[in-house]
PDB file of N, CA and C in Angstrom:
ATOM      1  N   MET A   1     -30.115   1.729   5.965  1.00  0.00           N
ATOM      2  CA  MET A   1     -30.127   0.702   4.878  1.00  0.00           C
ATOM      3  C   MET A   1     -31.439   0.259   4.972  1.00  0.00           C
ATOM      4  N   THR A   2     -32.599  -0.087   4.215  1.00  0.00           N
ATOM      5  CA  THR A   2     -33.887  -0.679   4.555  1.00  0.00           C
ATOM      6  C   THR A   2     -33.935  -2.168   3.985  1.00  0.00           C
ATOM      7  N   CYS A   3     -33.463  -1.933   2.856  1.00  0.00           N
ATOM      8  CA  CYS A   3     -32.869  -3.575   2.390  1.00  0.00           C
ATOM      9  C   CYS A   3     -31.354  -3.668   2.187  1.00  0.00           C
ATOM     10  N   LEU A   4     -30.821  -5.222   1.469  1.00  0.00           N
ATOM     11  CA  LEU A   4     -30.140  -5.417   1.193  1.00  0.00           C
ATOM     12  C   LEU A   4     -29.904  -6.537   0.591  1.00  0.00           C
ATOM     13  N   TYR A   5     -29.620  -6.326  -0.971  1.00  0.00           N
ATOM     14  CA  TYR A   5     -29.745  -8.087  -1.708  1.00  0.00           C
ATOM     15  C   TYR A   5     -28.134  -8.265  -1.977  1.00  0.00           C
ATOM     16  N   VAL A   6     -27.802  -9.081  -1.823  1.00  0.00           N
ATOM     17  CA  VAL A   6     -26.237 -10.078  -1.972  1.00  0.00           C
ATOM     18  C   VAL A   6     -26.236 -10.566  -3.623  1.00  0.00           C
ATOM     19  N   ALA A   7     -25.585 -10.023  -4.050  1.00  0.00           N
ATOM     20  CA  ALA A   7     -25.260 -10.123  -5.393  1.00  0.00           C
ATOM     21  C   ALA A   7     -24.714 -10.685  -6.294  1.00  0.00           C
ATOM     22  N   ASP A   8     -23.282 -10.949  -5.475  1.00  0.00           N
ATOM     23  CA  ASP A   8     -22.745 -12.139  -5.604  1.00  0.00           C
ATOM     24  C   ASP A   8     -21.650 -12.310  -3.769  1.00  0.00           C
ATOM     25  N   GLY A   9     -21.687 -13.809  -3.656  1.00  0.00           N
ATOM     26  CA  GLY A   9     -21.130 -13.965  -2.536  1.00  0.00           C
ATOM     27  C   GLY A   9     -22.091 -14.749  -1.420  1.00  0.00           C
ATOM     28  N   HIS A  10     -23.605 -14.780  -1.755  1.00  0.00           N
ATOM     29  CA  HIS A  10     -24.553 -15.842  -1.422  1.00  0.00           C
ATOM     30  C   HIS A  10     -24.026 -16.568  -0.503  1.00  0.00           C
ATOM     31  N   HIS A  11     -23.576 -17.825  -1.255  1.00  0.00           N
ATOM     32  CA  HIS A  11     -22.726 -19.225  -0.447  1.00  0.00           C
ATOM     33  C   HIS A  11     -21.532 -18.535   0.704  1.00  0.00           C
ATOM     34  N   ARG A  12     -21.219 -17.332   0.253  1.00  0.00           N
ATOM     35  CA  ARG A  12     -20.139 -17.023   1.411  1.00  0.00           C
ATOM     36  C   ARG A  12     -21.173 -16.854   2.627  1.00  0.00           C
ATOM     37  N   THR A  13     -21.337 -15.452   2.135  1.00  0.00           N
ATOM     38  CA  THR A  13     -22.986 -15.276   3.334  1.00  0.00           C
ATOM     39  C   THR A  13     -23.212 -16.206   4.117  1.00  0.00           C
ATOM     40  N   ALA A  14     -23.851 -17.133   4.020  1.00  0.00           N
ATOM     41  CA  ALA A  14     -24.364 -17.772   4.518  1.00  0.00           C
ATOM     42  C   ALA A  14     -23.516 -18.896   5.246  1.00  0.00           C
ATOM     43  N   ALA A  15     -22.227 -19.372   4.534  1.00  0.00           N
ATOM     44  CA  ALA A  15     -21.029 -20.099   5.435  1.00  0.00           C
ATOM     45  C   ALA A  15     -21.144 -19.547   6.385  1.00  0.00           C
ATOM     46  N   ALA A  16     -20.689 -17.526   6.417  1.00  0.00           N
ATOM     47  CA  ALA A  16     -19.748 -17.098   7.506  1.00  0.00           C
ATOM     48  C   ALA A  16     -21.527 -17.115   8.586  1.00  0.00           C
ATOM     49  N   TYR A  17     -22.558 -16.708   8.200  1.00  0.00           N
ATOM     50  CA  TYR A  17     -23.719 -16.783   9.049  1.00  0.00           C
ATOM     51  C   TYR A  17     -23.560 -18.397   9.784  1.00  0.00           C
ATOM     52  N   ASN A  18     -23.123 -19.149   9.220  1.00  0.00           N
ATOM     53  CA  ASN A  18     -23.194 -20.309  10.048  1.00  0.00           C
ATOM     54  C   ASN A  18     -22.030 -20.909  10.863  1.00  0.00           C
ATOM     55  N   LEU A  19     -21.135 -20.511  10.375  1.00  0.00           N
ATOM     56  CA  LEU A  19     -19.250 -20.732  11.637  1.00  0.00           C
ATOM     57  C   LEU A  19     -20.101 -19.727  12.495  1.00  0.00           C
ATOM     58  N   GLY A  20     -20.641 -18.347  12.084  1.00  0.00           N
ATOM     59  CA  GLY A  20     -20.086 -17.780  13.117  1.00  0.00           C
ATOM     60  C   GLY A  20     -21.319 -18.274  14.463  1.00  0.00           C
ATOM     61  N   LYS A  21     -22.798 -18.694  13.822  1.00  0.00           N
ATOM     62  CA  LYS A  21     -23.684 -20.031  14.585  1.00  0.00           C
ATOM     63  C   LYS A  21     -22.820 -20.298  15.975  1.00  0.00           C
ATOM     64  N   MET A  22     -22.210 -21.587  14.866  1.00  0.00           N
ATOM     65  CA  MET A  22     -21.975 -22.754  15.300  1.00  0.00           C
ATOM     66  C   MET A  22     -20.289 -22.222  16.523  1.00  0.00           C
ATOM     67  N   ARG A  23     -20.072 -21.376  16.405  1.00  0.00           N
ATOM     68  CA  ARG A  23     -19.136 -20.549  17.196  1.00  0.00           C
ATOM     69  C   ARG A  23     -19.539 -19.907  18.989  1.00  0.00           C
ATOM     70  N   ARG A  24     -20.933 -19.453  17.878  1.00  0.00           N
ATOM     71  CA  ARG A  24     -21.431 -18.704  19.438  1.00  0.00           C
ATOM     72  C   ARG A  24     -22.399 -20.177  20.304  1.00  0.00           C
ATOM     73  N   GLU A  25     -22.850 -20.785  19.505  1.00  0.00           N
ATOM     74  CA  GLU A  25     -23.201 -22.196  20.357  1.00  0.00           C
ATOM     75  C   GLU A  25     -22.371 -22.662  20.983  1.00  0.00           C
ATOM     76  N   GLU A  26     -21.075 -22.536  20.786  1.00  0.00           N
ATOM     77  CA  GLU A  26     -19.857 -23.348  21.263  1.00  0.00           C
ATOM     78  C   GLU A  26     -18.957 -22.760  22.414  1.00  0.00           C
ATOM     79  N   ALA A  27     -19.781 -21.518  22.383  1.00  0.00           N
ATOM     80  CA  ALA A  27     -19.709 -20.454  23.521  1.00  0.00           C
ATOM     81  C   ALA A  27     -20.194 -20.912  24.863  1.00  0.00           C
ATOM     82  N   LEU A  28     -21.188 -20.950  24.467  1.00  0.00           N
ATOM     83  CA  LEU A  28     -22.628 -20.995  24.922  1.00  0.00           C
ATOM     84  C   LEU A  28     -22.265 -22.476  25.813  1.00  0.00           C
ATOM     85  N   ALA A  29     -21.879 -23.592  25.364  1.00  0.00           N
ATOM     86  CA  ALA A  29     -22.155 -24.286  25.798  1.00  0.00           C
ATOM     87  C   ALA A  29     -20.767 -24.519  27.116  1.00  0.00           C
ATOM     88  N   LYS A  30     -19.934 -23.662  26.369  1.00  0.00           N
ATOM     89  CA  LYS A  30     -18.747 -23.379  27.477  1.00  0.00           C
ATOM     90  C   LYS A  30     -18.853 -22.768  28.745  1.00  0.00           C
ATOM     91  N   GLY A  31     -20.002 -22.152  28.570  1.00  0.00           N
ATOM     92  CA  GLY A  31     -20.673 -21.184  29.936  1.00  0.00           C
ATOM     93  C   GLY A  31     -20.132 -19.541  29.571  1.00  0.00           C
ATOM     94  N   GLN A  32     -19.453 -19.590  28.431  1.00  0.00           N
ATOM     95  CA  GLN A  32     -18.502 -18.186  27.931  1.00  0.00           C
ATOM     96  C   GLN A  32     -20.129 -17.273  27.890  1.00  0.00           C
ATOM     97  N   LYS A  33     -19.743 -15.708  28.513  1.00  0.00           N
ATOM     98  CA  LYS A  33     -20.614 -14.824  28.199  1.00  0.00           C
ATOM     99  C   LYS A  33     -20.708 -14.325  26.840  1.00  0.00           C
ATOM    100  N   VAL A  34     -21.886 -14.437  26.107  1.00  0.00           N
ATOM    101  CA  VAL A  34     -21.788 -13.944  24.365  1.00  0.00           C
ATOM    102  C   VAL A  34     -22.575 -12.458  24.856  1.00  0.00           C
ATOM    103  N   THR A  35     -22.008 -11.167  24.026  1.00  0.00           N
ATOM    104  CA  THR A  35     -22.603 -10.329  24.255  1.00  0.00           C
ATOM    105  C   THR A  35     -22.957  -9.293  22.737  1.00  0.00           C
ATOM    106  N   GLY A  36     -22.547 -11.014  21.775  1.00  0.00           N
ATOM    107  CA  GLY A  36     -22.712  -9.734  20.814  1.00  0.00           C
ATOM    108  C   GLY A  36     -21.655  -9.280  20.182  1.00  0.00           C
ATOM    109  N   GLU A  37     -21.014  -8.954  20.825  1.00  0.00           N
ATOM    110  CA  GLU A  37     -19.743  -7.799  20.044  1.00  0.00           C
ATOM    111  C   GLU A  37     -18.493  -8.870  19.399  1.00  0.00           C
ATOM    112  N   GLU A  38     -18.954 -10.302  19.841  1.00  0.00           N
ATOM    113  CA  GLU A  38     -17.762 -11.457  19.339  1.00  0.00           C
ATOM    114  C   GLU A  38     -17.236 -11.370  17.854  1.00  0.00           C
ATOM    115  N   PRO A  39     -15.909 -11.247  17.625  1.00  0.00           N
ATOM    116  CA  PRO A  39     -15.439 -11.254  16.272  1.00  0.00           C
ATOM    117  C   PRO A  39     -16.380 -12.608  15.571  1.00  0.00           C
ATOM    118  N   PHE A  40     -16.791 -13.399  15.524  1.00  0.00           N
ATOM    119  CA  PHE A  40     -17.582 -14.754  15.118  1.00  0.00           C
ATOM    120  C   PHE A  40     -19.412 -14.051  14.615  1.00  0.00           C
ATOM    121  N   ASN A  41     -19.744 -12.599  15.026  1.00  0.00           N
ATOM    122  CA  ASN A  41     -20.610 -12.361  15.157  1.00  0.00           C
ATOM    123  C   ASN A  41     -20.476 -11.581  13.075  1.00  0.00           C
ATOM    124  N   TYR A  42     -19.242 -11.341  12.977  1.00  0.00           N
ATOM    125  CA  TYR A  42     -19.116 -10.547  11.994  1.00  0.00           C
ATOM    126  C   TYR A  42     -18.452 -11.223  10.761  1.00  0.00           C
ATOM    127  N   PHE A  43     -18.637 -10.683   9.250  1.00  0.00           N
ATOM    128  CA  PHE A  43     -18.032 -11.012   8.834  1.00  0.00           C
ATOM    129  C   PHE A  43     -17.961  -9.383   7.616  1.00  0.00           C
ATOM    130  N   MET A  44     -16.920  -9.960   6.626  1.00  0.00           N
ATOM    131  CA  MET A  44     -16.342  -8.219   5.753  1.00  0.00           C
ATOM    132  C   MET A  44     -17.434  -8.140   4.717  1.00  0.00           C
ATOM    133  N   SER A  45     -17.518  -7.614   4.425  1.00  0.00           N
ATOM    134  CA  SER A  45     -18.757  -6.971   3.264  1.00  0.00           C
ATOM    135  C   SER A  45     -18.369  -5.817   2.711  1.00  0.00           C
ATOM    136  N   ILE A  46     -19.007  -5.455   1.411  1.00  0.00           N
ATOM    137  CA  ILE A  46     -19.053  -4.210   1.206  1.00  0.00           C
ATOM    138  C   ILE A  46     -20.675  -3.808   0.522  1.00  0.00           C
ATOM    139  N   CYS A  47     -20.970  -2.884   0.699  1.00  0.00           N
ATOM    140  CA  CYS A  47     -22.325  -2.111  -0.281  1.00  0.00           C
ATOM    141  C   CYS A  47     -21.975  -0.761  -0.908  1.00  0.00           C
ATOM    142  N   TYR A  48     -22.984  -1.115  -2.122  1.00  0.00           N
ATOM    143  CA  TYR A  48     -22.467  -0.506  -2.883  1.00  0.00           C
ATOM    144  C   TYR A  48     -23.938   0.058  -3.050  1.00  0.00           C
ATOM    145  N   PRO A  49     -24.670   1.911  -3.637  1.00  0.00           N
ATOM    146  CA  PRO A  49     -25.545   2.533  -4.101  1.00  0.00           C
ATOM    147  C   PRO A  49     -25.599   1.587  -5.547  1.00  0.00           C
ATOM    148  N   ALA A  50     -27.520   1.013  -6.183  1.00  0.00           N
ATOM    149  CA  ALA A  50     -27.571   0.650  -7.184  1.00  0.00           C
ATOM    150  C   ALA A  50     -27.516   1.351  -8.340  1.00  0.00           C
ATOM    151  N   ASP A  51     -27.369   2.767  -8.367  1.00  0.00           N
ATOM    152  CA  ASP A  51     -26.548   3.096  -9.544  1.00  0.00           C
ATOM    153  C   ASP A  51     -25.277   3.392  -9.437  1.00  0.00           C
ATOM    154  N   ASN A  52     -24.571   2.979  -8.766  1.00  0.00           N
ATOM    155  CA  ASN A  52     -23.413   2.515  -8.968  1.00  0.00           C
ATOM    156  C   ASN A  52     -22.753   1.359  -9.624  1.00  0.00           C
ATOM    157  N   LEU A  53     -23.763   0.126  -9.457  1.00  0.00           N
ATOM    158  CA  LEU A  53     -23.702  -0.910  -9.585  1.00  0.00           C
ATOM    159  C   LEU A  53     -23.609  -1.651 -11.720  1.00  0.00           C
ATOM    160  N   LEU A  54     -22.711  -2.455 -11.715  1.00  0.00           N
ATOM    161  CA  LEU A  54     -23.088  -2.673 -13.389  1.00  0.00           C
ATOM    162  C   LEU A  54     -22.840  -4.216 -13.093  1.00  0.00           C
ATOM    163  N   ILE A  55     -24.570  -4.630 -13.319  1.00  0.00           N
ATOM    164  CA  ILE A  55     -24.169  -6.381 -13.517  1.00  0.00           C
ATOM    165  C   ILE A  55     -23.863  -6.812 -14.890  1.00  0.00           C
ATOM    166  N   MET A  56     -22.747  -7.613 -14.788  1.00  0.00           N
ATOM    167  CA  MET A  56     -22.170  -8.043 -16.041  1.00  0.00           C
ATOM    168  C   MET A  56     -23.057  -9.558 -16.242  1.00  0.00           C
ATOM    169  N   ASP A  57     -23.227  -9.827 -17.537  1.00  0.00           N
ATOM    170  CA  ASP A  57     -24.008 -11.202 -18.272  1.00  0.00           C
ATOM    171  C   ASP A  57     -22.898 -12.416 -17.197  1.00  0.00           C
ATOM    172  N   TYR A  58     -23.924 -13.512 -17.335  1.00  0.00           N
ATOM    173  CA  TYR A  58     -23.572 -14.489 -16.114  1.00  0.00           C
ATOM    174  C   TYR A  58     -23.975 -16.133 -17.306  1.00  0.00           C
ATOM    175  N   ASN A  59     -22.649 -16.204 -17.518  1.00  0.00           N
ATOM    176  CA  ASN A  59     -23.048 -17.329 -18.465  1.00  0.00           C
ATOM    177  C   ASN A  59     -22.470 -18.058 -17.983  1.00  0.00           C
ATOM    178  N   ARG A  60     -22.802 -19.871 -18.882  1.00  0.00           N
ATOM    179  CA  ARG A  60     -22.796 -21.060 -18.865  1.00  0.00           C
ATOM    180  C   ARG A  60     -22.357 -21.520 -20.220  1.00  0.00           C
ATOM    181  N   VAL A  61     -21.952 -22.641 -20.661  1.00  0.00           N
ATOM    182  CA  VAL A  61     -21.410 -23.483 -20.777  1.00  0.00           C
ATOM    183  C   VAL A  61     -22.757 -24.587 -20.864  1.00  0.00           C
ATOM    184  N   ILE A  62     -23.234 -25.371 -22.188  1.00  0.00           N
ATOM    185  CA  ILE A  62     -23.863 -26.498 -21.988  1.00  0.00           C
ATOM    186  C   ILE A  62     -22.677 -27.471 -22.970  1.00  0.00           C
ATOM    187  N   LYS A  63     -21.789 -28.975 -22.119  1.00  0.00           N
ATOM    188  CA  LYS A  63     -21.274 -29.059 -23.194  1.00  0.00           C
ATOM    189  C   LYS A  63     -21.542 -30.391 -23.995  1.00  0.00           C
ATOM    190  N   ASN A  64     -23.346 -31.000 -23.831  1.00  0.00           N
ATOM    191  CA  ASN A  64     -23.457 -31.798 -24.409  1.00  0.00           C
ATOM    192  C   ASN A  64     -25.167 -31.510 -23.976  1.00  0.00           C
ATOM    193  N   LEU A  65     -25.967 -31.897 -25.354  1.00  0.00           N
ATOM    194  CA  LEU A  65     -27.289 -32.272 -25.425  1.00  0.00           C
ATOM    195  C   LEU A  65     -27.844 -33.593 -24.686  1.00  0.00           C
ATOM    196  N   LYS A  66     -27.021 -34.716 -24.262  1.00  0.00           N
ATOM    197  CA  LYS A  66     -27.338 -35.306 -23.971  1.00  0.00           C
ATOM    198  C   LYS A  66     -27.419 -36.454 -25.163  1.00  0.00           C
ATOM    199  N   GLY A  67     -27.351 -36.569 -26.079  1.00  0.00           N
ATOM    200  CA  GLY A  67     -27.505 -36.757 -27.168  1.00  0.00           C
ATOM    201  C   GLY A  67     -29.029 -36.702 -28.673  1.00  0.00           C
ATOM    202  N   LEU A  68     -29.774 -35.265 -28.172  1.00  0.00           N
ATOM    203  CA  LEU A  68     -30.305 -35.022 -28.447  1.00  0.00           C
ATOM    204  C   LEU A  68     -29.463 -34.530 -29.848  1.00  0.00           C
ATOM    205  N   ASP A  69     -30.450 -33.592 -30.756  1.00  0.00           N
ATOM    206  CA  ASP A  69     -29.765 -33.186 -32.046  1.00  0.00           C
ATOM    207  C   ASP A  69     -30.212 -31.818 -31.680  1.00  0.00           C
ATOM    208  N   SER A  70     -29.581 -31.205 -32.342  1.00  0.00           N
ATOM    209  CA  SER A  70     -29.952 -29.472 -32.252  1.00  0.00           C
ATOM    210  C   SER A  70     -31.512 -28.868 -32.204  1.00  0.00           C
ATOM    211  N   ALA A  71     -32.205 -29.876 -33.361  1.00  0.00           N
ATOM    212  CA  ALA A  71     -33.402 -29.592 -33.485  1.00  0.00           C
ATOM    213  C   ALA A  71     -34.302 -29.861 -32.387  1.00  0.00           C
ATOM    214  N   THR A  72     -33.933 -31.242 -31.878  1.00  0.00           N
ATOM    215  CA  THR A  72     -34.882 -31.722 -30.892  1.00  0.00           C
ATOM    216  C   THR A  72     -34.469 -31.020 -29.747  1.00  0.00           C
ATOM    217  N   PHE A  73     -33.751 -30.695 -29.526  1.00  0.00           N
ATOM    218  CA  PHE A  73     -33.182 -29.735 -28.323  1.00  0.00           C
ATOM    219  C   PHE A  73     -33.595 -28.490 -28.096  1.00  0.00           C
ATOM    220  N   LEU A  74     -34.042 -27.625 -29.291  1.00  0.00           N
ATOM    221  CA  LEU A  74     -34.786 -26.391 -29.575  1.00  0.00           C
ATOM    222  C   LEU A  74     -36.193 -26.757 -29.159  1.00  0.00           C
ATOM    223  N   LYS A  75     -36.893 -28.261 -29.920  1.00  0.00           N
ATOM    224  CA  LYS A  75     -38.010 -28.134 -29.774  1.00  0.00           C
ATOM    225  C   LYS A  75     -38.376 -28.511 -27.665  1.00  0.00           C
ATOM    226  N   LYS A  76     -37.732 -29.484 -27.516  1.00  0.00           N
ATOM    227  CA  LYS A  76     -37.367 -29.752 -25.895  1.00  0.00           C
ATOM    228  C   LYS A  76     -37.628 -28.473 -24.890  1.00  0.00           C
ATOM    229  N   LEU A  77     -36.601 -26.850 -25.201  1.00  0.00           N
ATOM    230  CA  LEU A  77     -36.981 -26.141 -24.944  1.00  0.00           C
ATOM    231  C   LEU A  77     -38.173 -25.326 -25.152  1.00  0.00           C
ATOM    232  N   GLU A  78     -39.097 -25.315 -26.203  1.00  0.00           N
ATOM    233  CA  GLU A  78     -39.856 -24.869 -26.441  1.00  0.00           C
ATOM    234  C   GLU A  78     -41.117 -25.097 -25.797  1.00  0.00           C
ATOM    235  N   GLU A  79     -41.027 -26.218 -25.025  1.00  0.00           N
ATOM    236  CA  GLU A  79     -42.094 -26.168 -24.010  1.00  0.00           C
ATOM    237  C   GLU A  79     -41.738 -25.405 -22.528  1.00  0.00           C
ATOM    238  N   ILE A  80     -40.813 -25.027 -22.504  1.00  0.00           N
ATOM    239  CA  ILE A  80     -41.098 -24.011 -21.126  1.00  0.00           C
ATOM    240  C   ILE A  80     -40.392 -22.652 -21.858  1.00  0.00           C
ATOM    241  N   CYS A  81     -39.772 -22.305 -22.947  1.00  0.00           N
ATOM    242  CA  CYS A  81     -39.712 -20.682 -23.438  1.00  0.00           C
ATOM    243  C   CYS A  81     -40.041 -20.784 -24.678  1.00  0.00           C
ATOM    244  N   ASP A  82     -40.628 -19.166 -24.720  1.00  0.00           N
ATOM    245  CA  ASP A  82     -40.662 -19.223 -25.818  1.00  0.00           C
ATOM    246  C   ASP A  82     -39.075 -18.712 -26.730  1.00  0.00           C
ATOM    247  N   ILE A  83     -39.297 -19.057 -27.714  1.00  0.00           N
ATOM    248  CA  ILE A  83     -37.462 -19.006 -28.706  1.00  0.00           C
ATOM    249  C   ILE A  83     -38.056 -18.339 -29.707  1.00  0.00           C
ATOM    250  N   SER A  84     -37.227 -17.089 -29.987  1.00  0.00           N
ATOM    251  CA  SER A  84     -37.093 -16.553 -31.421  1.00  0.00           C
ATOM    252  C   SER A  84     -35.338 -16.342 -31.792  1.00  0.00           C
ATOM    253  N   LYS A  85     -35.278 -16.571 -32.781  1.00  0.00           N
ATOM    254  CA  LYS A  85     -33.697 -16.629 -33.646  1.00  0.00           C
ATOM    255  C   LYS A  85     -33.388 -15.249 -33.932  1.00  0.00           C
ATOM    256  N   LEU A  86     -31.881 -15.029 -33.574  1.00  0.00           N
ATOM    257  CA  LEU A  86     -31.417 -13.704 -33.737  1.00  0.00           C
ATOM    258  C   LEU A  86     -30.838 -13.293 -34.955  1.00  0.00           C
ATOM    259  N   GLU A  87     -30.490 -11.948 -34.829  1.00  0.00           N
ATOM    260  CA  GLU A  87     -29.615 -11.487 -36.722  1.00  0.00           C
ATOM    261  C   GLU A  87     -28.200 -11.813 -36.141  1.00  0.00           C
ATOM    262  N   SER A  88     -27.967 -11.575 -34.974  1.00  0.00           N
ATOM    263  CA  SER A  88     -26.624 -11.808 -34.231  1.00  0.00           C
ATOM    264  C   SER A  88     -26.461 -12.107 -32.169  1.00  0.00           C
ATOM    265  N   SER A  89     -25.120 -12.044 -32.069  1.00  0.00           N
ATOM    266  CA  SER A  89     -25.464 -12.248 -30.656  1.00  0.00           C
ATOM    267  C   SER A  89     -25.694 -10.633 -30.625  1.00  0.00           C
ATOM    268  N   THR A  90     -26.402 -10.659 -28.802  1.00  0.00           N
ATOM    269  CA  THR A  90     -27.262  -9.960 -28.131  1.00  0.00           C
ATOM    270  C   THR A  90     -27.209 -10.361 -26.897  1.00  0.00           C
ATOM    271  N   SER A  91     -26.865  -9.381 -25.911  1.00  0.00           N
ATOM    272  CA  SER A  91     -27.362  -9.813 -24.476  1.00  0.00           C
ATOM    273  C   SER A  91     -29.054  -9.729 -24.074  1.00  0.00           C
ATOM    274  N   PRO A  92     -29.789 -10.379 -23.366  1.00  0.00           N
ATOM    275  CA  PRO A  92     -30.991  -9.948 -22.931  1.00  0.00           C
ATOM    276  C   PRO A  92     -31.651  -8.472 -22.351  1.00  0.00           C
ATOM    277  N   ASP A  93     -32.882  -8.591 -23.354  1.00  0.00           N
ATOM    278  CA  ASP A  93     -32.791  -6.610 -23.128  1.00  0.00           C
ATOM    279  C   ASP A  93     -33.755  -6.734 -21.971  1.00  0.00           C
ATOM    280  N   LYS A  94     -33.726  -7.636 -20.808  1.00  0.00           N
ATOM    281  CA  LYS A  94     -34.655  -7.218 -19.849  1.00  0.00           C
ATOM    282  C   LYS A  94     -34.779  -8.543 -18.598  1.00  0.00           C
ATOM    283  N   LYS A  95     -34.938  -8.289 -17.573  1.00  0.00           N
ATOM    284  CA  LYS A  95     -35.342  -9.497 -16.832  1.00  0.00           C
ATOM    285  C   LYS A  95     -35.863 -10.496 -17.182  1.00  0.00           C
ATOM    286  N   GLY A  96     -35.214 -12.285 -16.921  1.00  0.00           N
ATOM    287  CA  GLY A  96     -36.034 -13.463 -17.087  1.00  0.00           C
ATOM    288  C   GLY A  96     -35.359 -13.571 -18.449  1.00  0.00           C
ATOM    289  N   LYS A  97     -35.023 -13.257 -19.536  1.00  0.00           N
ATOM    290  CA  LYS A  97     -34.666 -13.644 -20.611  1.00  0.00           C
ATOM    291  C   LYS A  97     -33.039 -14.272 -20.858  1.00  0.00           C
ATOM    292  N   PHE A  98     -33.150 -15.038 -21.836  1.00  0.00           N
ATOM    293  CA  PHE A  98     -31.831 -15.760 -21.600  1.00  0.00           C
ATOM    294  C   PHE A  98     -31.358 -15.548 -23.167  1.00  0.00           C
ATOM    295  N   SER A  99     -30.079 -15.365 -23.667  1.00  0.00           N
ATOM    296  CA  SER A  99     -29.747 -15.864 -25.013  1.00  0.00           C
ATOM    297  C   SER A  99     -29.281 -17.080 -25.165  1.00  0.00           C
ATOM    298  N   LEU A 100     -28.719 -17.799 -26.120  1.00  0.00           N
ATOM    299  CA  LEU A 100     -28.632 -19.125 -26.665  1.00  0.00           C
ATOM    300  C   LEU A 100     -27.357 -18.884 -27.817  1.00  0.00           C
ATOM    301  N   LEU A 101     -26.508 -19.473 -27.656  1.00  0.00           N
ATOM    302  CA  LEU A 101     -25.590 -19.706 -28.820  1.00  0.00           C
ATOM    303  C   LEU A 101     -26.119 -21.263 -29.516  1.00  0.00           C
ATOM    304  N   LEU A 102     -26.655 -21.937 -30.164  1.00  0.00           N
ATOM    305  CA  LEU A 102     -26.535 -23.041 -30.613  1.00  0.00           C
ATOM    306  C   LEU A 102     -26.015 -23.298 -32.259  1.00  0.00           C
ATOM    307  N   ASP A 103     -24.909 -23.943 -32.669  1.00  0.00           N
ATOM    308  CA  ASP A 103     -24.737 -24.226 -33.713  1.00  0.00           C
ATOM    309  C   ASP A 103     -24.316 -22.655 -34.456  1.00  0.00           C
ATOM    310  N   SER A 104     -23.869 -22.055 -34.044  1.00  0.00           N
ATOM    311  CA  SER A 104     -23.228 -20.766 -34.737  1.00  0.00           C
ATOM    312  C   SER A 104     -24.521 -19.663 -35.042  1.00  0.00           C
ATOM    313  N   ASP A 105     -25.573 -19.808 -34.328  1.00  0.00           N
ATOM    314  CA  ASP A 105     -27.156 -19.403 -34.604  1.00  0.00           C
ATOM    315  C   ASP A 105     -27.155 -18.940 -32.632  1.00  0.00           C
ATOM    316  N   TRP A 106     -27.497 -17.526 -32.426  1.00  0.00           N
ATOM    317  CA  TRP A 106     -28.297 -17.103 -31.266  1.00  0.00           C
ATOM    318  C   TRP A 106     -29.779 -16.915 -31.545  1.00  0.00           C
ATOM    319  N   TYR A 107     -30.341 -17.246 -30.457  1.00  0.00           N
ATOM    320  CA  TYR A 107     -31.589 -17.504 -29.825  1.00  0.00           C
ATOM    321  C   TYR A 107     -32.021 -16.524 -28.677  1.00  0.00           C
ATOM    322  N   SER A 108     -33.121 -16.060 -28.357  1.00  0.00           N
ATOM    323  CA  SER A 108     -34.047 -15.164 -28.045  1.00  0.00           C
ATOM    324  C   SER A 108     -34.655 -16.145 -26.677  1.00  0.00           C
ATOM    325  N   LEU A 109     -34.506 -16.747 -25.030  1.00  0.00           N
ATOM    326  CA  LEU A 109     -35.318 -17.437 -24.591  1.00  0.00           C
ATOM    327  C   LEU A 109     -35.703 -16.861 -23.840  1.00  0.00           C
ATOM    328  N   THR A 110     -37.150 -16.721 -23.617  1.00  0.00           N
ATOM    329  CA  THR A 110     -38.333 -15.967 -22.794  1.00  0.00           C
ATOM    330  C   THR A 110     -39.413 -16.908 -21.601  1.00  0.00           C
ATOM    331  N   PRO A 111     -38.669 -17.650 -21.231  1.00  0.00           N
ATOM    332  CA  PRO A 111     -39.396 -18.296 -20.074  1.00  0.00           C
ATOM    333  C   PRO A 111     -40.713 -18.161 -19.870  1.00  0.00           C
ATOM    334  N   LYS A 112     -41.861 -18.948 -20.365  1.00  0.00           N
ATOM    335  CA  LYS A 112     -43.012 -19.069 -20.097  1.00  0.00           C
ATOM    336  C   LYS A 112     -43.883 -19.125 -18.675  1.00  0.00           C
ATOM    337  N   GLN A 113     -44.179 -18.140 -18.272  1.00  0.00           N
ATOM    338  CA  GLN A 113     -44.999 -17.746 -16.822  1.00  0.00           C
ATOM    339  C   GLN A 113     -45.220 -18.783 -16.641  1.00  0.00           C
ATOM    340  N   LYS A 114     -46.422 -19.690 -16.603  1.00  0.00           N
ATOM    341  CA  LYS A 114     -46.265 -20.366 -15.821  1.00  0.00           C
ATOM    342  C   LYS A 114     -45.778 -21.757 -15.639  1.00  0.00           C
ATOM    343  N   GLN A 115     -44.651 -21.797 -16.106  1.00  0.00           N
ATOM    344  CA  GLN A 115     -43.458 -22.815 -16.306  1.00  0.00           C
ATOM    345  C   GLN A 115     -42.629 -22.351 -15.163  1.00  0.00           C
ATOM    346  N   SER A 116     -41.926 -21.032 -16.054  1.00  0.00           N
ATOM    347  CA  SER A 116     -40.725 -20.843 -14.937  1.00  0.00           C
ATOM    348  C   SER A 116     -41.075 -19.713 -13.412  1.00  0.00           C
ATOM    349  N   GLY A 117     -41.560 -19.124 -13.151  1.00  0.00           N
ATOM    350  CA  GLY A 117     -42.229 -18.836 -11.911  1.00  0.00           C
ATOM    351  C   GLY A 117     -41.741 -17.142 -12.217  1.00  0.00           C
ATOM    352  N   ILE A 118     -40.953 -16.806 -13.563  1.00  0.00           N
ATOM    353  CA  ILE A 118     -40.253 -15.672 -13.234  1.00  0.00           C
ATOM    354  C   ILE A 118     -41.168 -14.177 -13.521  1.00  0.00           C
ATOM    355  N   ASP A 119     -40.753 -13.631 -12.962  1.00  0.00           N
ATOM    356  CA  ASP A 119     -41.643 -12.610 -13.197  1.00  0.00           C
ATOM    357  C   ASP A 119     -41.114 -11.344 -13.804  1.00  0.00           C
ATOM    358  N   SER A 120     -42.048 -10.814 -14.916  1.00  0.00           N
ATOM    359  CA  SER A 120     -41.313 -10.116 -15.946  1.00  0.00           C
ATOM    360  C   SER A 120     -41.267  -8.452 -15.345  1.00  0.00           C
TER     361      SER A 120
END
């Protein structure tokens, strides 16, 4: 496998790595021989080929607009995103795009390149 992308669980992966590193340092501090075969050098994972994956929507809820009305909120979003109103609910059609439901209306948001750093 030439590369691996952690699609979910990257925080758990980092925590497992840090725990393994801590246990390795503890073993070395106690003068124990560390071979790399110790259980703390491993954590459970599963790998799937890309053609067997379905990446589903990753939804978030904005509970309040911090005192802004909807029109002002959209205006502020226009500073960092290109916005177009949609006829109905839809999932983004390409990487880096987002959908927004606001006051029963759907919008497509595309971050402006110089603001976002997102590659299209």
